[in-house]
Structures are given as C-alpha cells and as structure tokens.
C-alpha cells in the first residue's frame, strides 16, 4: 500500500524556502517553488511546495 503525505510541514515554514526554480525537463520555464532532492541524484529538481512533504 502506497503512503501519501507522511509528514506534515506547515506552509508558513515552506514559504520561507520558496524561490524561483526550474524543472530539469523544462529549464527555460521558471516558477515559484522549492528544490527537491531525490535519492541517488546529486542535484535538485524544482517542485511546487504543495507537491512535496
């Protein structure tokens, strides 16, 4: 069974880390978000703060 939203992080805290980011797949498209690091990858990928944690 897949688990979704295992941890709760207040949006106020996440907003402090929000900045202009890009996705690896679309480097020309900037948006407000945070960099998320995945296991086994040495660099972060831009993500919307609602989609992580």
PDB file of N, CA and C in Angstrom:
ATOM      1  N   UNK A   1       0.836  -1.171   0.000  1.00  0.00           N
ATOM      2  CA  UNK A   1       0.000   0.000   0.000  1.00  0.00           C
ATOM      3  C   UNK A   1       0.887   1.242   0.000  1.00  0.00           C
ATOM      4  N   UNK A   2       0.665   2.132  -0.927  1.00  0.00           N
ATOM      5  CA  UNK A   2       1.447   3.357  -1.024  1.00  0.00           C
ATOM      6  C   UNK A   2       0.986   4.361   0.028  1.00  0.00           C
ATOM      7  N   UNK A   3       1.940   5.027   0.625  1.00  0.00           N
ATOM      8  CA  UNK A   3       1.617   6.028   1.635  1.00  0.00           C
ATOM      9  C   UNK A   3       1.753   7.405   1.014  1.00  0.00           C
ATOM     10  N   UNK A   4       0.821   8.273   1.306  1.00  0.00           N
ATOM     11  CA  UNK A   4       0.829   9.613   0.755  1.00  0.00           C
ATOM     12  C   UNK A   4       0.826  10.618   1.900  1.00  0.00           C
ATOM     13  N   UNK A   5       1.613  11.655   1.750  1.00  0.00           N
ATOM     14  CA  UNK A   5       1.686  12.726   2.740  1.00  0.00           C
ATOM     15  C   UNK A   5       1.977  12.205   4.142  1.00  0.00           C
ATOM     16  N   UNK A   6       3.137  11.597   4.278  1.00  0.00           N
ATOM     17  CA  UNK A   6       3.535  11.001   5.544  1.00  0.00           C
ATOM     18  C   UNK A   6       3.889  12.039   6.599  1.00  0.00           C
ATOM     19  N   UNK A   7       4.358  13.202   6.191  1.00  0.00           N
ATOM     20  CA  UNK A   7       4.796  14.223   7.134  1.00  0.00           C
ATOM     21  C   UNK A   7       4.018  15.502   6.893  1.00  0.00           C
ATOM     22  N   UNK A   8       3.768  16.205   7.959  1.00  0.00           N
ATOM     23  CA  UNK A   8       3.107  17.496   7.844  1.00  0.00           C
ATOM     24  C   UNK A   8       4.133  18.590   8.108  1.00  0.00           C
ATOM     25  N   UNK A   9       4.285  19.493   7.169  1.00  0.00           N
ATOM     26  CA  UNK A   9       5.177  20.636   7.324  1.00  0.00           C
ATOM     27  C   UNK A   9       4.317  21.885   7.114  1.00  0.00           C
ATOM     28  N   UNK A  10       4.285  22.791   8.092  1.00  0.00           N
ATOM     29  CA  UNK A  10       3.464  23.992   7.946  1.00  0.00           C
ATOM     30  C   UNK A  10       3.835  24.778   6.690  1.00  0.00           C
ATOM     31  N   UNK A  11       2.839  25.272   5.973  1.00  0.00           N
ATOM     32  CA  UNK A  11       3.068  26.026   4.748  1.00  0.00           C
ATOM     33  C   UNK A  11       3.852  27.309   5.017  1.00  0.00           C
ATOM     34  N   UNK A  12       3.722  27.873   6.209  1.00  0.00           N
ATOM     35  CA  UNK A  12       4.475  29.079   6.561  1.00  0.00           C
ATOM     36  C   UNK A  12       5.970  28.777   6.531  1.00  0.00           C
ATOM     37  N   UNK A  13       6.356  27.615   7.037  1.00  0.00           N
ATOM     38  CA  UNK A  13       7.768  27.225   7.028  1.00  0.00           C
ATOM     39  C   UNK A  13       8.245  26.994   5.596  1.00  0.00           C
ATOM     40  N   UNK A  14       7.460  26.301   4.795  1.00  0.00           N
ATOM     41  CA  UNK A  14       7.857  26.013   3.417  1.00  0.00           C
ATOM     42  C   UNK A  14       7.946  27.289   2.581  1.00  0.00           C
ATOM     43  N   UNK A  15       7.096  28.259   2.862  1.00  0.00           N
ATOM     44  CA  UNK A  15       7.102  29.508   2.097  1.00  0.00           C
ATOM     45  C   UNK A  15       8.431  30.252   2.265  1.00  0.00           C
ATOM     46  N   UNK A  16       9.057  30.103   3.429  1.00  0.00           N
ATOM     47  CA  UNK A  16      10.347  30.758   3.665  1.00  0.00           C
ATOM     48  C   UNK A  16      11.428  30.223   2.726  1.00  0.00           C
ATOM     49  N   UNK A  17      11.306  28.997   2.267  1.00  0.00           N
ATOM     50  CA  UNK A  17      12.301  28.376   1.385  1.00  0.00           C
ATOM     51  C   UNK A  17      11.933  28.526  -0.089  1.00  0.00           C
ATOM     52  N   UNK A  18      10.788  29.079  -0.375  1.00  0.00           N
ATOM     53  CA  UNK A  18      10.323  29.196  -1.758  1.00  0.00           C
ATOM     54  C   UNK A  18      11.114  30.256  -2.516  1.00  0.00           C
ATOM     55  N   UNK A  19      11.462  29.934  -3.752  1.00  0.00           N
ATOM     56  CA  UNK A  19      12.210  30.847  -4.613  1.00  0.00           C
ATOM     57  C   UNK A  19      11.872  30.529  -6.069  1.00  0.00           C
ATOM     58  N   UNK A  20      12.496  31.215  -6.994  1.00  0.00           N
ATOM     59  CA  UNK A  20      12.269  30.949  -8.408  1.00  0.00           C
ATOM     60  C   UNK A  20      13.111  29.743  -8.824  1.00  0.00           C
ATOM     61  N   UNK A  21      12.458  28.689  -9.284  1.00  0.00           N
ATOM     62  CA  UNK A  21      13.140  27.443  -9.631  1.00  0.00           C
ATOM     63  C   UNK A  21      12.773  27.015 -11.054  1.00  0.00           C
ATOM     64  N   UNK A  22      13.515  26.015 -11.544  1.00  0.00           N
ATOM     65  CA  UNK A  22      13.234  25.427 -12.855  1.00  0.00           C
ATOM     66  C   UNK A  22      13.201  23.914 -12.720  1.00  0.00           C
ATOM     67  N   UNK A  23      12.475  23.270 -13.608  1.00  0.00           N
ATOM     68  CA  UNK A  23      12.468  21.810 -13.665  1.00  0.00           C
ATOM     69  C   UNK A  23      13.572  21.362 -14.615  1.00  0.00           C
ATOM     70  N   UNK A  24      14.121  20.202 -14.368  1.00  0.00           N
ATOM     71  CA  UNK A  24      15.177  19.666 -15.232  1.00  0.00           C
ATOM     72  C   UNK A  24      14.642  19.440 -16.642  1.00  0.00           C
ATOM     73  N   UNK A  25      13.411  18.970 -16.740  1.00  0.00           N
ATOM     74  CA  UNK A  25      12.816  18.683 -18.045  1.00  0.00           C
ATOM     75  C   UNK A  25      12.499  19.957 -18.835  1.00  0.00           C
ATOM     76  N   UNK A  26      12.246  21.079 -18.143  1.00  0.00           N
ATOM     77  CA  UNK A  26      11.910  22.345 -18.799  1.00  0.00           C
ATOM     78  C   UNK A  26      12.763  23.474 -18.204  1.00  0.00           C
ATOM     79  N   UNK A  27      14.040  23.552 -18.571  1.00  0.00           N
ATOM     80  CA  UNK A  27      14.929  24.547 -17.953  1.00  0.00           C
ATOM     81  C   UNK A  27      14.614  25.994 -18.308  1.00  0.00           C
ATOM     82  N   UNK A  28      13.832  26.242 -19.323  1.00  0.00           N
ATOM     83  CA  UNK A  28      13.506  27.594 -19.751  1.00  0.00           C
ATOM     84  C   UNK A  28      12.268  28.140 -19.045  1.00  0.00           C
ATOM     85  N   UNK A  29      11.550  27.302 -18.313  1.00  0.00           N
ATOM     86  CA  UNK A  29      10.294  27.677 -17.674  1.00  0.00           C
ATOM     87  C   UNK A  29      10.498  27.843 -16.164  1.00  0.00           C
ATOM     88  N   UNK A  30      10.460  29.084 -15.669  1.00  0.00           N
ATOM     89  CA  UNK A  30      10.679  29.352 -14.245  1.00  0.00           C
ATOM     90  C   UNK A  30       9.337  29.501 -13.532  1.00  0.00           C
ATOM     91  N   UNK A  31       9.305  29.073 -12.263  1.00  0.00           N
ATOM     92  CA  UNK A  31       8.106  29.207 -11.444  1.00  0.00           C
ATOM     93  C   UNK A  31       8.489  29.271  -9.977  1.00  0.00           C
ATOM     94  N   UNK A  32       7.573  29.672  -9.129  1.00  0.00           N
ATOM     95  CA  UNK A  32       7.807  29.743  -7.693  1.00  0.00           C
ATOM     96  C   UNK A  32       7.714  28.347  -7.095  1.00  0.00           C
ATOM     97  N   UNK A  33       8.749  27.930  -6.384  1.00  0.00           N
ATOM     98  CA  UNK A  33       8.758  26.611  -5.775  1.00  0.00           C
ATOM     99  C   UNK A  33      10.021  26.396  -4.960  1.00  0.00           C
ATOM    100  N   UNK A  34      10.312  25.149  -4.672  1.00  0.00           N
ATOM    101  CA  UNK A  34      11.494  24.763  -3.905  1.00  0.00           C
ATOM    102  C   UNK A  34      12.229  23.665  -4.661  1.00  0.00           C
ATOM    103  N   UNK A  35      13.517  23.501  -4.368  1.00  0.00           N
ATOM    104  CA  UNK A  35      14.272  22.416  -4.975  1.00  0.00           C
ATOM    105  C   UNK A  35      14.124  21.162  -4.121  1.00  0.00           C
ATOM    106  N   UNK A  36      13.768  20.065  -4.755  1.00  0.00           N
ATOM    107  CA  UNK A  36      13.589  18.791  -4.065  1.00  0.00           C
ATOM    108  C   UNK A  36      14.674  17.831  -4.531  1.00  0.00           C
ATOM    109  N   UNK A  37      15.350  17.210  -3.589  1.00  0.00           N
ATOM    110  CA  UNK A  37      16.403  16.250  -3.898  1.00  0.00           C
ATOM    111  C   UNK A  37      15.858  14.845  -3.739  1.00  0.00           C
ATOM    112  N   UNK A  38      16.104  13.995  -4.722  1.00  0.00           N
ATOM    113  CA  UNK A  38      15.651  12.609  -4.680  1.00  0.00           C
ATOM    114  C   UNK A  38      16.834  11.692  -4.429  1.00  0.00           C
ATOM    115  N   UNK A  39      16.576  10.552  -3.891  1.00  0.00           N
ATOM    116  CA  UNK A  39      17.625   9.597  -3.556  1.00  0.00           C
ATOM    117  C   UNK A  39      18.365   9.153  -4.812  1.00  0.00           C
ATOM    118  N   UNK A  40      19.684   9.202  -4.766  1.00  0.00           N
ATOM    119  CA  UNK A  40      20.506   8.758  -5.877  1.00  0.00           C
ATOM    120  C   UNK A  40      20.802   9.829  -6.906  1.00  0.00           C
ATOM    121  N   UNK A  41      20.276  11.036  -6.717  1.00  0.00           N
ATOM    122  CA  UNK A  41      20.501  12.128  -7.662  1.00  0.00           C
ATOM    123  C   UNK A  41      21.298  13.218  -6.952  1.00  0.00           C
ATOM    124  N   UNK A  42      22.323  13.739  -7.607  1.00  0.00           N
ATOM    125  CA  UNK A  42      23.200  14.723  -6.982  1.00  0.00           C
ATOM    126  C   UNK A  42      22.715  16.165  -7.109  1.00  0.00           C
ATOM    127  N   UNK A  43      21.627  16.401  -7.817  1.00  0.00           N
ATOM    128  CA  UNK A  43      21.134  17.755  -7.993  1.00  0.00           C
ATOM    129  C   UNK A  43      19.628  17.783  -7.773  1.00  0.00           C
ATOM    130  N   UNK A  44      19.124  18.955  -7.430  1.00  0.00           N
ATOM    131  CA  UNK A  44      17.699  19.098  -7.124  1.00  0.00           C
ATOM    132  C   UNK A  44      16.879  19.437  -8.347  1.00  0.00           C
ATOM    133  N   UNK A  45      15.622  19.112  -8.266  1.00  0.00           N
ATOM    134  CA  UNK A  45      14.670  19.414  -9.324  1.00  0.00           C
ATOM    135  C   UNK A  45      13.604  20.330  -8.735  1.00  0.00           C
ATOM    136  N   UNK A  46      13.215  21.352  -9.460  1.00  0.00           N
ATOM    137  CA  UNK A  46      12.213  22.285  -8.973  1.00  0.00           C
ATOM    138  C   UNK A  46      10.861  21.611  -8.802  1.00  0.00           C
ATOM    139  N   UNK A  47      10.181  21.943  -7.703  1.00  0.00           N
ATOM    140  CA  UNK A  47       8.865  21.372  -7.423  1.00  0.00           C
ATOM    141  C   UNK A  47       7.997  22.410  -6.739  1.00  0.00           C
ATOM    142  N   UNK A  48       6.713  22.309  -6.961  1.00  0.00           N
ATOM    143  CA  UNK A  48       5.746  23.157  -6.280  1.00  0.00           C
ATOM    144  C   UNK A  48       5.725  22.756  -4.813  1.00  0.00           C
ATOM    145  N   UNK A  49       5.623  23.689  -3.893  1.00  0.00           N
ATOM    146  CA  UNK A  49       5.691  23.335  -2.479  1.00  0.00           C
ATOM    147  C   UNK A  49       4.508  22.489  -2.034  1.00  0.00           C
ATOM    148  N   UNK A  50       3.406  22.501  -2.766  1.00  0.00           N
ATOM    149  CA  UNK A  50       2.253  21.658  -2.414  1.00  0.00           C
ATOM    150  C   UNK A  50       2.477  20.194  -2.772  1.00  0.00           C
ATOM    151  N   UNK A  51       3.420  19.909  -3.662  1.00  0.00           N
ATOM    152  CA  UNK A  51       3.623  18.540  -4.112  1.00  0.00           C
ATOM    153  C   UNK A  51       4.665  17.778  -3.301  1.00  0.00           C
ATOM    154  N   UNK A  52       5.361  18.463  -2.408  1.00  0.00           N
ATOM    155  CA  UNK A  52       6.360  17.777  -1.577  1.00  0.00           C
ATOM    156  C   UNK A  52       6.006  17.929  -0.115  1.00  0.00           C
ATOM    157  N   UNK A  53       6.430  16.988   0.683  1.00  0.00           N
ATOM    158  CA  UNK A  53       6.190  16.969   2.116  1.00  0.00           C
ATOM    159  C   UNK A  53       4.750  17.229   2.410  1.00  0.00           C
TER     160      UNK A  53
END
